Every structure is written in structure tokens, then in C-alpha cells.
C-alpha atoms as a PDB file:
ATOM      1  CA  MET A   1      -7.233-108.334 170.662  1.00  0.00           C
ATOM      2  CA  PRO A   2      -8.077-108.996 174.301  1.00  0.00           C
ATOM      3  CA  ILE A   3      -7.637-112.533 176.050  1.00  0.00           C
ATOM      4  CA  TYR A   4     -10.389-113.874 177.972  1.00  0.00           C
ATOM      5  CA  GLU A   5      -9.965-116.811 180.274  1.00  0.00           C
ATOM      6  CA  TYR A   6     -12.873-119.322 181.192  1.00  0.00           C
ATOM      7  CA  HIS A   7     -13.396-122.325 183.377  1.00  0.00           C
ATOM      8  CA  CYS A   8     -15.641-125.053 182.393  1.00  0.00           C
ATOM      9  CA  SER A   9     -17.609-126.343 185.383  1.00  0.00           C
ATOM     10  CA  ASP A  10     -18.606-129.840 183.576  1.00  0.00           C
ATOM     11  CA  CYS A  11     -14.981-130.875 182.986  1.00  0.00           C
ATOM     12  CA  ASN A  12     -12.671-128.612 185.009  1.00  0.00           C
ATOM     13  CA  HIS A  13     -10.878-127.170 182.149  1.00  0.00           C
ATOM     14  CA  PHE A  14      -9.132-123.689 182.126  1.00  0.00           C
ATOM     15  CA  PHE A  15      -8.948-122.349 178.811  1.00  0.00           C
ATOM     16  CA  GLU A  16      -8.170-118.757 177.079  1.00  0.00           C
ATOM     17  CA  LEU A  17      -9.946-117.104 174.052  1.00  0.00           C
ATOM     18  CA  PHE A  18      -8.687-114.149 171.571  1.00  0.00           C
ATOM     19  CA  LEU A  19     -11.829-112.192 171.053  1.00  0.00           C
ATOM     20  CA  THR A  20     -12.165-108.761 169.507  1.00  0.00           C
ATOM     21  CA  TYR A  21     -14.564-106.450 171.734  1.00  0.00           C
ATOM     22  CA  GLN A  22     -17.135-106.762 168.950  1.00  0.00           C
ATOM     23  CA  GLU A  23     -17.198-110.717 169.405  1.00  0.00           C
ATOM     24  CA  TYR A  24     -17.202-110.593 173.197  1.00  0.00           C
ATOM     25  CA  GLY A  25     -20.849-111.431 174.313  1.00  0.00           C
ATOM     26  CA  ALA A  26     -21.978-111.838 170.815  1.00  0.00           C
ATOM     27  CA  LYS A  27     -20.025-114.812 170.035  1.00  0.00           C
ATOM     28  CA  SER A  28     -20.869-118.124 171.756  1.00  0.00           C
ATOM     29  CA  VAL A  29     -18.071-119.668 173.828  1.00  0.00           C
ATOM     30  CA  ALA A  30     -17.861-123.322 174.234  1.00  0.00           C
ATOM     31  CA  CYS A  31     -15.330-125.443 176.390  1.00  0.00           C
ATOM     32  CA  PRO A  32     -12.774-126.866 173.504  1.00  0.00           C
ATOM     33  CA  ASN A  33     -12.226-129.897 175.847  1.00  0.00           C
ATOM     34  CA  CYS A  34     -16.018-130.992 176.479  1.00  0.00           C
ATOM     35  CA  GLY A  35     -18.278-128.701 174.171  1.00  0.00           C
ATOM     36  CA  ASN A  36     -19.923-127.031 177.481  1.00  0.00           C
ATOM     37  CA  ILE A  37     -21.752-123.847 175.975  1.00  0.00           C
ATOM     38  CA  HIS A  38     -21.847-122.583 179.643  1.00  0.00           C
ATOM     39  CA  PRO A  39     -18.189-121.819 180.659  1.00  0.00           C
ATOM     40  CA  GLU A  40     -17.648-119.248 183.498  1.00  0.00           C
ATOM     41  CA  ARG A  41     -15.107-116.209 182.466  1.00  0.00           C
ATOM     42  CA  ILE A  42     -12.309-116.106 185.007  1.00  0.00           C
ATOM     43  CA  ILE A  43     -12.033-112.223 186.029  1.00  0.00           C
ATOM     44  CA  LYS A  44      -8.569-111.622 187.757  1.00  0.00           C
ATOM     45  CA  PRO A  45      -7.423-108.868 189.845  1.00  0.00           C
ATOM     46  CA  VAL A  46      -6.254-105.765 188.109  1.00  0.00           C
ATOM     47  CA  ARG A  47      -3.001-104.246 189.242  1.00  0.00           C
ATOM     48  CA  VAL A  48      -2.388-100.548 189.162  1.00  0.00           C
ATOM     49  CA  ALA A  49       1.086 -98.854 188.977  1.00  0.00           C
ATOM     50  CA  ARG A  50       1.202 -95.843 191.399  1.00  0.00           C
ATOM     51  CA  SER A  51       3.829 -93.009 191.248  1.00  0.00           C
ATOM     52  CA  GLU A  52       6.080 -92.583 194.391  1.00  0.00           C
ATOM     53  CA  GLU A  53       4.238 -89.033 195.025  1.00  0.00           C
ATOM     54  CA  ASP A  54       0.670 -91.012 195.078  1.00  0.00           C
ATOM     55  CA  HIS A  55       2.099 -93.368 197.406  1.00  0.00           C
ATOM     56  CA  PHE A  56       3.487 -90.451 199.822  1.00  0.00           C
ATOM     57  CA  ASN A  57       0.109 -88.478 199.291  1.00  0.00           C
ATOM     58  CA  SER A  58      -2.085 -91.715 200.354  1.00  0.00           C
ATOM     59  CA  LEU A  59       0.144 -91.838 203.510  1.00  0.00           C
ATOM     60  CA  ALA A  60      -0.587 -88.282 204.360  1.00  0.00           C
ATOM     61  CA  ASP A  61      -4.359 -88.310 203.851  1.00  0.00           C
ATOM     62  CA  PRO A  62      -5.740 -86.339 206.992  1.00  0.00           C
ATOM     63  CA  GLN A  63      -9.051 -88.799 207.456  1.00  0.00           C
ATOM     64  CA  GLN A  64      -6.476 -91.600 207.687  1.00  0.00           C
ATOM     65  CA  LEU A  65      -4.552 -89.780 210.587  1.00  0.00           C
ATOM     66  CA  ALA A  66      -7.498 -88.739 212.524  1.00  0.00           C
ATOM     67  CA  GLY A  67      -7.751 -90.239 215.952  1.00  0.00           C
ATOM     68  CA  LEU A  68      -4.820 -92.386 215.623  1.00  0.00           C
ATOM     69  CA  GLU A  69      -3.597 -91.347 219.097  1.00  0.00           C
ATOM     70  CA  ASP A  70      -6.836 -92.784 220.877  1.00  0.00           C
ATOM     71  CA  ASP A  71      -6.459 -96.351 218.703  1.00  0.00           C
ATOM     72  CA  PRO A  72      -3.549 -98.068 218.988  1.00  0.00           C
ATOM     73  CA  HIS A  73      -5.091-100.702 216.572  1.00  0.00           C
ATOM     74  CA  ALA A  74      -5.519 -98.172 213.763  1.00  0.00           C
ATOM     75  CA  LEU A  75      -1.908 -96.807 214.581  1.00  0.00           C
ATOM     76  CA  GLY A  76      -0.587-100.114 214.154  1.00  0.00           C
ATOM     77  CA  LYS A  77      -2.434-100.755 211.044  1.00  0.00           C
ATOM     78  CA  MET A  78      -1.405 -97.441 209.650  1.00  0.00           C
ATOM     79  CA  MET A  79       2.337 -97.836 210.380  1.00  0.00           C
ATOM     80  CA  ARG A  80       2.077-101.364 208.739  1.00  0.00           C
ATOM     81  CA  GLN A  81       0.744 -99.941 205.566  1.00  0.00           C
ATOM     82  CA  MET A  82       3.303 -96.966 205.739  1.00  0.00           C
ATOM     83  CA  SER A  83       5.889 -99.660 205.996  1.00  0.00           C
ATOM     84  CA  HIS A  84       4.530-101.641 202.954  1.00  0.00           C
ATOM     85  CA  GLU A  85       3.905 -98.292 200.796  1.00  0.00           C
ATOM     86  CA  LEU A  86       7.605 -97.451 201.194  1.00  0.00           C
ATOM     87  CA  GLY A  87       8.799-100.845 200.491  1.00  0.00           C
ATOM     88  CA  GLU A  88      11.214-100.885 203.227  1.00  0.00           C
ATOM     89  CA  ASP A  89      12.033-103.645 205.823  1.00  0.00           C
ATOM     90  CA  MET A  90      11.789-101.747 208.943  1.00  0.00           C
ATOM     91  CA  GLY A  91      13.369-104.619 210.953  1.00  0.00           C
ATOM     92  CA  PRO A  92      12.287-106.904 213.972  1.00  0.00           C
ATOM     93  CA  GLU A  93      11.670-103.956 216.517  1.00  0.00           C
ATOM     94  CA  PHE A  94       9.304-102.284 214.141  1.00  0.00           C
ATOM     95  CA  ASP A  95       7.410-105.350 213.776  1.00  0.00           C
ATOM     96  CA  GLU A  96       7.455-106.265 217.409  1.00  0.00           C
ATOM     97  CA  VAL A  97       5.793-102.596 218.082  1.00  0.00           C
ATOM     98  CA  VAL A  98       3.372-102.888 215.289  1.00  0.00           C
ATOM     99  CA  ASP A  99       2.201-106.251 216.113  1.00  0.00           C
ATOM    100  CA  ARG A 100       1.349-105.123 219.553  1.00  0.00           C
ATOM    101  CA  LEU A 101      -0.435-101.875 218.651  1.00  0.00           C
ATOM    102  CA  GLU A 102      -2.509-104.067 216.333  1.00  0.00           C
ATOM    103  CA  LYS A 103      -3.544-106.259 219.108  1.00  0.00           C
ATOM    104  CA  GLY A 104      -4.479-103.158 221.180  1.00  0.00           C
ATOM    105  CA  HIS A 105      -1.358-102.372 223.408  1.00  0.00           C
ATOM    106  CA  SER A 106      -0.976 -98.851 224.548  1.00  0.00           C
ATOM    107  CA  PRO A 107       2.385 -97.109 222.929  1.00  0.00           C
ATOM    108  CA  GLU A 108       2.842 -96.456 226.871  1.00  0.00           C
ATOM    109  CA  ASP A 109       2.918 -99.963 227.598  1.00  0.00           C
ATOM    110  CA  ILE A 110       5.060-100.906 224.750  1.00  0.00           C
ATOM    111  CA  GLU A 111       7.631 -98.381 225.846  1.00  0.00           C
ATOM    112  CA  ARG A 112       7.590 -99.661 229.419  1.00  0.00           C
ATOM    113  CA  ASP A 113       7.767-103.223 228.185  1.00  0.00           C
ATOM    114  CA  LEU A 114      10.770-102.629 225.333  1.00  0.00           C
ATOM    115  CA  PRO A 115      12.792 -99.701 226.713  1.00  0.00           C
ATOM    116  CA  GLU A 116      15.623-100.492 224.304  1.00  0.00           C
ATOM    117  CA  LEU A 117      13.673 -99.059 221.601  1.00  0.00           C
ATOM    118  CA  SER A 118      13.641 -95.547 223.321  1.00  0.00           C
ATOM    119  CA  THR A 119      17.296 -94.135 222.360  1.00  0.00           C
ATOM    120  CA  ASP A 120      16.860 -90.830 224.172  1.00  0.00           C
ATOM    121  CA  GLY A 121      15.081 -91.965 227.529  1.00  0.00           C
ATOM    122  CA  GLY A 122      12.185 -90.406 226.284  1.00  0.00           C
ATOM    123  CA  SER A 123       8.825 -91.754 224.846  1.00  0.00           C
ATOM    124  CA  LEU A 124       8.770 -93.588 221.735  1.00  0.00           C
ATOM    125  CA  ASP A 125       6.670 -90.678 220.014  1.00  0.00           C
ATOM    126  CA  SER A 126       9.287 -87.883 221.130  1.00  0.00           C
ATOM    127  CA  ASP A 127      10.776 -85.691 218.683  1.00  0.00           C
ATOM    128  CA  PRO A 128      14.508 -84.622 219.310  1.00  0.00           C
ATOM    129  CA  GLY A 129      14.405 -81.840 216.973  1.00  0.00           C
ATOM    130  CA  LEU A 130      11.764 -79.905 218.993  1.00  0.00           C
END
């Protein structure tokens, strides 16, 4: 039997009711504190559990990756989302780079201002495996 949450605007009382699906909408609801017959139903956000595969698939969405090289703000937003999806703390250097990207700084400017982030003397986006 579902639990429905309500708020009474007359007396500011919050309360819960157990109603069957058949009773909901058919049975009148009154505040148990003051008797108001028009309490507001509270609908809370729903959380959905996703598999790790779903997380990775959402990160690899081609629409989400399109145009990132020309938009530092979007690149920073995507990097922050990727970090959040992976659930890992990437450290203060990562946060600094993402903050700057989200403010519109170009990767080249960030690399120039923070040379210690480049371990190979190349660019931030260089791939040593290539």
C-alpha cells in the first residue's frame, strides 16, 4: 500500500496517509491536525539506480561530445559530469582545470598558466600512446 505525503497550508502540518491505488483520488483527504479538507500532496523526486554500463554509455553519447573542442565551458561541464558519474575524486588540479574551463578559459591558456599539469612537456590533451 503506497504512502502519500501531504502538507496542510492552513496549519503547516505535514502528514502521511496509507491509501490503496483504488482509494487514491476517490477518498477525501483531511488534515488530521486541523481538519482542512484541501491539503497539498507532496511529490518528492525519484532516484533511479543505474548500472555502471549505463553510466559509461551516457558518457560516450556522441551528441554530448560534439563541438567540445570549440567550447571550453561545455568541455568543463562534460568533464565535471564524467567525474561525478565515475564517482571518483580527481583531485584539486582537476577541479582547478574544470573550474577554469567552465569560466570559458581555453585549454591552451590553462596549460600556459599551469605548466605543472603537463607531465610530458606537451599539451594537456596529448596522448603519449600515439
